[in-house]
Amino acid sequence: MSALTIRLPDEKYERLKLLSKRRGTSVNRLIDEMATVLLAEADAEARFLVRAGRGRGREAEGVALLRRARGE
């Protein structure tokens, strides 16, 4: 495991301490959870962009599939 030093404004750090206390966890764990969410969002965006790239130029085919799925 790695250690990381970050600089935060005092007000932001105090708010994180209060939030972590309300959640019954540490500021360290709270930051770890936020990093996990951020990385998961970045991974989802990357997967979406790859899939969107595969469909580029096939928009009409996609619309036809949607219409067929709706029974049109």
N, C-alpha and C. Protein backbone atom coordinates (compact mmCIF):
# COMPACT_ATOMS: atom_id res chain seq x y z
N MET A 1 0.85 -1.17 0.00
CA MET A 1 0.00 0.00 0.00
C MET A 1 0.90 1.23 0.00
N SER A 2 0.46 2.27 -0.69
CA SER A 2 1.23 3.51 -0.78
C SER A 2 0.65 4.57 0.13
N ALA A 3 1.51 5.49 0.52
CA ALA A 3 1.08 6.65 1.30
C ALA A 3 1.03 7.84 0.36
N LEU A 4 0.08 8.74 0.61
CA LEU A 4 -0.10 9.91 -0.23
C LEU A 4 -0.33 11.11 0.67
N THR A 5 0.38 12.17 0.41
CA THR A 5 0.18 13.42 1.14
C THR A 5 -0.55 14.38 0.22
N ILE A 6 -1.66 14.92 0.69
CA ILE A 6 -2.40 15.89 -0.11
C ILE A 6 -2.56 17.18 0.71
N ARG A 7 -2.65 18.27 0.01
CA ARG A 7 -2.87 19.57 0.64
C ARG A 7 -4.31 19.98 0.37
N LEU A 8 -5.01 20.30 1.46
CA LEU A 8 -6.40 20.75 1.37
C LEU A 8 -6.55 22.03 2.17
N PRO A 9 -7.45 22.89 1.74
CA PRO A 9 -7.78 24.04 2.59
C PRO A 9 -8.33 23.53 3.93
N ASP A 10 -8.01 24.27 5.00
CA ASP A 10 -8.44 23.84 6.34
C ASP A 10 -9.94 23.59 6.41
N GLU A 11 -10.73 24.47 5.79
CA GLU A 11 -12.19 24.34 5.85
C GLU A 11 -12.65 23.02 5.21
N LYS A 12 -12.05 22.68 4.10
CA LYS A 12 -12.42 21.44 3.42
C LYS A 12 -12.04 20.23 4.27
N TYR A 13 -10.87 20.27 4.87
CA TYR A 13 -10.44 19.16 5.73
C TYR A 13 -11.38 19.00 6.92
N GLU A 14 -11.77 20.12 7.53
CA GLU A 14 -12.69 20.05 8.67
C GLU A 14 -14.03 19.45 8.26
N ARG A 15 -14.51 19.83 7.08
CA ARG A 15 -15.77 19.26 6.59
C ARG A 15 -15.63 17.76 6.35
N LEU A 16 -14.49 17.34 5.81
CA LEU A 16 -14.27 15.90 5.61
C LEU A 16 -14.21 15.16 6.94
N LYS A 17 -13.60 15.77 7.95
CA LYS A 17 -13.56 15.15 9.27
C LYS A 17 -14.97 14.97 9.83
N LEU A 18 -15.81 16.00 9.68
CA LEU A 18 -17.19 15.90 10.17
C LEU A 18 -17.96 14.83 9.41
N LEU A 19 -17.78 14.80 8.09
CA LEU A 19 -18.47 13.79 7.28
C LEU A 19 -18.03 12.38 7.67
N SER A 20 -16.75 12.19 7.82
CA SER A 20 -16.25 10.86 8.19
C SER A 20 -16.77 10.45 9.57
N LYS A 21 -16.84 11.40 10.48
CA LYS A 21 -17.36 11.10 11.82
C LYS A 21 -18.82 10.68 11.75
N ARG A 22 -19.63 11.42 10.94
CA ARG A 22 -21.04 11.06 10.78
C ARG A 22 -21.20 9.67 10.18
N ARG A 23 -20.28 9.29 9.28
CA ARG A 23 -20.35 7.98 8.64
C ARG A 23 -19.69 6.89 9.46
N GLY A 24 -19.05 7.27 10.56
CA GLY A 24 -18.40 6.28 11.42
C GLY A 24 -17.16 5.67 10.78
N THR A 25 -16.40 6.48 10.08
CA THR A 25 -15.20 5.99 9.42
C THR A 25 -14.10 7.03 9.58
N SER A 26 -12.96 6.78 9.01
CA SER A 26 -11.85 7.73 9.07
C SER A 26 -11.81 8.58 7.82
N VAL A 27 -11.11 9.71 7.89
CA VAL A 27 -10.92 10.55 6.71
C VAL A 27 -10.17 9.74 5.66
N ASN A 28 -9.20 8.95 6.09
CA ASN A 28 -8.44 8.12 5.15
C ASN A 28 -9.36 7.18 4.38
N ARG A 29 -10.26 6.52 5.09
CA ARG A 29 -11.18 5.58 4.45
C ARG A 29 -12.15 6.33 3.53
N LEU A 30 -12.58 7.50 3.95
CA LEU A 30 -13.48 8.32 3.14
C LEU A 30 -12.81 8.70 1.82
N ILE A 31 -11.56 9.13 1.87
CA ILE A 31 -10.81 9.48 0.66
C ILE A 31 -10.64 8.24 -0.22
N ASP A 32 -10.35 7.09 0.38
CA ASP A 32 -10.21 5.84 -0.37
C ASP A 32 -11.51 5.50 -1.10
N GLU A 33 -12.65 5.65 -0.42
CA GLU A 33 -13.95 5.38 -1.03
C GLU A 33 -14.22 6.34 -2.18
N MET A 34 -13.90 7.63 -2.00
CA MET A 34 -14.11 8.61 -3.06
C MET A 34 -13.24 8.29 -4.28
N ALA A 35 -12.00 7.87 -4.03
CA ALA A 35 -11.10 7.50 -5.14
C ALA A 35 -11.65 6.29 -5.89
N THR A 36 -12.21 5.34 -5.16
CA THR A 36 -12.80 4.16 -5.79
C THR A 36 -13.96 4.55 -6.70
N VAL A 37 -14.82 5.43 -6.24
CA VAL A 37 -15.96 5.89 -7.04
C VAL A 37 -15.46 6.63 -8.28
N LEU A 38 -14.49 7.51 -8.11
CA LEU A 38 -13.96 8.28 -9.23
C LEU A 38 -13.34 7.36 -10.29
N LEU A 39 -12.59 6.37 -9.84
CA LEU A 39 -11.97 5.43 -10.79
C LEU A 39 -13.02 4.58 -11.50
N ALA A 40 -14.07 4.17 -10.78
CA ALA A 40 -15.15 3.38 -11.40
C ALA A 40 -15.86 4.22 -12.46
N GLU A 41 -16.09 5.50 -12.18
CA GLU A 41 -16.72 6.38 -13.16
C GLU A 41 -15.84 6.55 -14.40
N ALA A 42 -14.54 6.70 -14.19
CA ALA A 42 -13.61 6.84 -15.31
C ALA A 42 -13.58 5.57 -16.15
N ASP A 43 -13.61 4.40 -15.51
CA ASP A 43 -13.64 3.13 -16.23
C ASP A 43 -14.92 2.99 -17.05
N ALA A 44 -16.06 3.38 -16.45
CA ALA A 44 -17.34 3.29 -17.15
C ALA A 44 -17.34 4.22 -18.36
N GLU A 45 -16.79 5.42 -18.20
CA GLU A 45 -16.72 6.35 -19.32
C GLU A 45 -15.85 5.79 -20.44
N ALA A 46 -14.73 5.19 -20.08
CA ALA A 46 -13.83 4.61 -21.09
C ALA A 46 -14.53 3.48 -21.84
N ARG A 47 -15.26 2.62 -21.11
CA ARG A 47 -15.99 1.53 -21.76
C ARG A 47 -17.06 2.08 -22.69
N PHE A 48 -17.77 3.12 -22.26
CA PHE A 48 -18.79 3.74 -23.09
C PHE A 48 -18.19 4.30 -24.38
N LEU A 49 -17.07 5.00 -24.25
CA LEU A 49 -16.44 5.59 -25.43
C LEU A 49 -15.98 4.53 -26.42
N VAL A 50 -15.49 3.40 -25.92
CA VAL A 50 -15.09 2.30 -26.81
C VAL A 50 -16.31 1.77 -27.55
N ARG A 51 -17.39 1.53 -26.80
CA ARG A 51 -18.61 1.01 -27.43
C ARG A 51 -19.21 2.02 -28.41
N ALA A 52 -19.18 3.29 -28.04
CA ALA A 52 -19.71 4.32 -28.94
C ALA A 52 -18.89 4.37 -30.23
N GLY A 53 -17.60 4.19 -30.10
CA GLY A 53 -16.74 4.19 -31.28
C GLY A 53 -17.06 3.05 -32.23
N ARG A 54 -17.44 1.91 -31.66
CA ARG A 54 -17.79 0.76 -32.49
C ARG A 54 -19.04 1.03 -33.32
N GLY A 55 -19.92 1.89 -32.81
CA GLY A 55 -21.18 2.16 -33.51
C GLY A 55 -21.13 3.36 -34.43
N ARG A 56 -20.00 4.03 -34.43
CA ARG A 56 -19.89 5.23 -35.27
C ARG A 56 -20.13 4.86 -36.73
N GLY A 57 -21.00 5.62 -37.37
CA GLY A 57 -21.32 5.34 -38.77
C GLY A 57 -22.45 4.33 -38.93
N ARG A 58 -22.97 3.82 -37.81
CA ARG A 58 -24.04 2.82 -37.87
C ARG A 58 -25.30 3.33 -37.16
N GLU A 59 -25.48 4.65 -37.15
CA GLU A 59 -26.59 5.25 -36.42
C GLU A 59 -27.94 4.77 -36.94
N ALA A 60 -28.09 4.68 -38.26
CA ALA A 60 -29.37 4.25 -38.84
C ALA A 60 -29.71 2.83 -38.41
N GLU A 61 -28.71 1.99 -38.36
CA GLU A 61 -28.92 0.60 -37.92
C GLU A 61 -29.38 0.57 -36.45
N GLY A 62 -28.79 1.44 -35.62
CA GLY A 62 -29.18 1.51 -34.21
C GLY A 62 -30.61 1.99 -34.05
N VAL A 63 -30.99 3.01 -34.80
CA VAL A 63 -32.36 3.52 -34.73
C VAL A 63 -33.34 2.44 -35.18
N ALA A 64 -32.99 1.69 -36.23
CA ALA A 64 -33.86 0.62 -36.70
C ALA A 64 -34.04 -0.45 -35.63
N LEU A 65 -32.97 -0.77 -34.92
CA LEU A 65 -33.06 -1.76 -33.84
C LEU A 65 -33.97 -1.26 -32.72
N LEU A 66 -33.86 0.01 -32.37
CA LEU A 66 -34.73 0.58 -31.34
C LEU A 66 -36.19 0.54 -31.76
N ARG A 67 -36.46 0.89 -32.99
CA ARG A 67 -37.84 0.84 -33.48
C ARG A 67 -38.39 -0.57 -33.45
N ARG A 68 -37.57 -1.52 -33.87
CA ARG A 68 -38.02 -2.91 -33.84
C ARG A 68 -38.28 -3.39 -32.42
N ALA A 69 -37.43 -2.96 -31.48
CA ALA A 69 -37.62 -3.34 -30.06
C ALA A 69 -38.91 -2.77 -29.51
N ARG A 70 -39.31 -1.59 -29.99
CA ARG A 70 -40.56 -0.97 -29.54
C ARG A 70 -41.76 -1.49 -30.30
N GLY A 71 -41.54 -2.37 -31.26
CA GLY A 71 -42.65 -2.94 -32.02
C GLY A 71 -43.16 -2.04 -33.12
N GLU A 72 -42.36 -1.12 -33.55
CA GLU A 72 -42.80 -0.20 -34.62
C GLU A 72 -42.59 -0.83 -35.98
